[in-house]
């Protein structure tokens, strides 16, 4: 059984940095496309970063582009999200999602390359594997 476990959340001041980790258990990370989503209080869960199976291509939402970096270390079965220049509006629960490449819509299952935007969570929530989330709080 595949399990996805996030860690690294916490409380940070505005302008600070955090690094989130996502580990995959029960499967080979190299077989998966991976993404980070986040859910702020009272808002829909949204995709913010995605990395393709071989790590060649990454996608970001406009809200985090230039501040966040997604990367993967297949040997350690880990996906990282480096978050810099954090803002209070980045406060949310952050979720890691993994989809086996053989079942993916395209090179990043969670991202519509034609529309250049992440798919709504309602369309992908029942696909792939999701973690329980890690809380990130940014104080002003």
Protein backbone atom coordinates (compact mmCIF):
# COMPACT_ATOMS: atom_id res chain seq x y z
CA UNK A 1 0.00 0.00 0.00
CA UNK A 2 1.36 3.37 -1.02
CA UNK A 3 1.63 5.99 1.70
CA UNK A 4 2.46 9.66 1.33
CA UNK A 5 3.77 11.53 4.36
CA UNK A 6 4.49 15.26 4.54
CA UNK A 7 6.68 17.00 7.11
CA UNK A 8 8.47 20.27 7.72
CA UNK A 9 5.60 22.63 8.40
CA UNK A 10 5.69 25.19 11.16
CA UNK A 11 5.41 28.82 12.15
CA UNK A 12 7.57 31.41 10.40
CA UNK A 13 7.64 35.19 10.12
CA UNK A 14 6.77 36.95 6.91
CA UNK A 15 9.79 36.96 4.62
CA UNK A 16 11.14 33.76 6.09
CA UNK A 17 11.72 30.32 4.59
CA UNK A 18 10.62 26.75 5.16
CA UNK A 19 11.39 23.48 3.44
CA UNK A 20 8.68 20.84 3.24
CA UNK A 21 9.39 17.17 2.62
CA UNK A 22 7.20 14.46 1.20
CA UNK A 23 8.16 10.82 1.49
CA UNK A 24 6.65 7.93 -0.42
CA UNK A 25 6.38 4.51 1.22
CA UNK A 26 5.47 1.26 -0.47
CA UNK A 27 6.40 2.36 -3.97
CA UNK A 28 9.27 3.64 -6.08
CA UNK A 29 9.26 7.42 -6.21
CA UNK A 30 10.82 7.31 -9.67
CA UNK A 31 7.57 5.87 -11.05
CA UNK A 32 5.51 8.86 -9.91
CA UNK A 33 4.69 12.40 -10.85
CA UNK A 34 4.39 14.56 -7.77
CA UNK A 35 2.70 17.76 -6.80
CA UNK A 36 2.11 20.04 -3.85
CA UNK A 37 -1.31 21.47 -3.10
CA UNK A 38 -2.40 23.75 -0.31
CA UNK A 39 -5.65 24.56 1.42
CA UNK A 40 -6.06 27.88 3.18
CA UNK A 41 -8.85 28.46 5.70
CA UNK A 42 -12.16 28.91 3.91
CA UNK A 43 -10.66 28.29 0.47
CA UNK A 44 -10.54 25.45 -2.01
CA UNK A 45 -7.46 23.26 -2.14
CA UNK A 46 -5.24 24.49 -4.96
CA UNK A 47 -2.27 23.09 -6.82
CA UNK A 48 0.91 25.12 -6.50
CA UNK A 49 3.82 23.02 -7.76
CA UNK A 50 4.34 19.89 -9.83
CA UNK A 51 7.37 17.92 -10.97
CA UNK A 52 7.44 15.40 -13.76
CA UNK A 53 8.50 11.79 -13.37
CA UNK A 54 12.14 12.36 -14.29
CA UNK A 55 12.34 15.79 -12.76
CA UNK A 56 13.01 17.53 -16.07
CA UNK A 57 10.05 19.88 -15.92
CA UNK A 58 8.36 21.76 -13.11
CA UNK A 59 5.18 23.81 -13.01
CA UNK A 60 4.12 26.47 -10.56
CA UNK A 61 1.04 28.50 -9.85
CA UNK A 62 1.38 32.24 -10.32
CA UNK A 63 0.97 32.72 -6.58
CA UNK A 64 4.23 30.94 -5.75
CA UNK A 65 6.29 31.24 -8.94
CA UNK A 66 9.72 32.68 -8.23
CA UNK A 67 9.45 32.00 -4.48
CA UNK A 68 8.90 28.23 -4.22
CA UNK A 69 10.98 25.43 -5.74
CA UNK A 70 9.92 21.80 -6.07
CA UNK A 71 12.59 19.12 -6.42
CA UNK A 72 12.89 15.38 -6.07
CA UNK A 73 15.48 12.91 -4.80
CA UNK A 74 14.44 9.48 -6.05
CA UNK A 75 17.21 7.74 -4.11
CA UNK A 76 15.72 9.07 -0.89
CA UNK A 77 12.11 8.67 -2.05
CA UNK A 78 11.61 12.32 -1.18
CA UNK A 79 10.09 15.37 -2.79
CA UNK A 80 10.98 18.78 -1.43
CA UNK A 81 9.27 22.14 -1.54
CA UNK A 82 11.62 25.01 -0.74
CA UNK A 83 9.54 28.04 0.20
CA UNK A 84 11.21 31.44 0.34
CA UNK A 85 9.91 34.96 0.88
CA UNK A 86 6.87 33.59 2.66
CA UNK A 87 3.79 35.78 3.02
CA UNK A 88 0.87 35.61 5.44
CA UNK A 89 -1.32 34.50 2.52
CA UNK A 90 0.84 31.39 2.22
CA UNK A 91 -0.67 30.17 5.49
CA UNK A 92 -2.35 26.84 4.71
CA UNK A 93 -2.21 23.10 5.09
CA UNK A 94 0.17 21.78 2.46
CA UNK A 95 -0.50 18.42 0.83
CA UNK A 96 1.66 16.17 -1.31
CA UNK A 97 0.06 14.17 -4.13
CA UNK A 98 1.55 11.34 -6.18
CA UNK A 99 0.28 9.81 -9.40
CA UNK A 100 1.84 6.82 -11.09
CA UNK A 101 3.18 7.94 -14.46
CA UNK A 102 1.33 5.12 -16.25
CA UNK A 103 -2.00 6.56 -15.08
CA UNK A 104 -1.24 10.22 -15.67
CA UNK A 105 -3.11 12.46 -18.09
CA UNK A 106 0.08 14.10 -19.28
CA UNK A 107 3.57 14.79 -18.01
CA UNK A 108 2.16 16.39 -14.91
CA UNK A 109 -1.20 14.85 -14.11
CA UNK A 110 -2.26 17.76 -11.93
CA UNK A 111 -1.42 20.52 -14.39
CA UNK A 112 -3.19 21.44 -17.61
CA UNK A 113 -0.34 22.45 -19.91
CA UNK A 114 -2.75 23.82 -22.53
CA UNK A 115 -4.51 26.13 -20.11
CA UNK A 116 -1.29 26.64 -18.11
CA UNK A 117 -3.00 26.13 -14.80
CA UNK A 118 -3.50 23.47 -12.18
CA UNK A 119 -6.61 21.36 -12.37
CA UNK A 120 -9.23 21.96 -9.70
CA UNK A 121 -8.81 19.72 -6.72
CA UNK A 122 -12.33 18.36 -7.25
CA UNK A 123 -11.15 16.78 -10.51
CA UNK A 124 -8.05 15.06 -9.13
CA UNK A 125 -8.83 14.34 -5.48
CA UNK A 126 -9.79 10.74 -6.21
CA UNK A 127 -6.72 10.04 -8.33
CA UNK A 128 -3.30 9.08 -7.07
CA UNK A 129 -2.21 9.13 -3.45
CA UNK A 130 -2.47 12.00 -1.00
CA UNK A 131 -0.85 12.71 2.32
CA UNK A 132 -2.49 14.04 5.46
CA UNK A 133 -0.92 17.46 5.13
CA UNK A 134 1.41 19.67 7.13
CA UNK A 135 0.47 23.07 8.55
CA UNK A 136 2.37 26.18 7.50
CA UNK A 137 1.64 29.41 9.33
CA UNK A 138 3.20 32.71 8.30
CA UNK A 139 2.88 35.58 10.76
CA UNK A 140 2.92 39.20 9.66
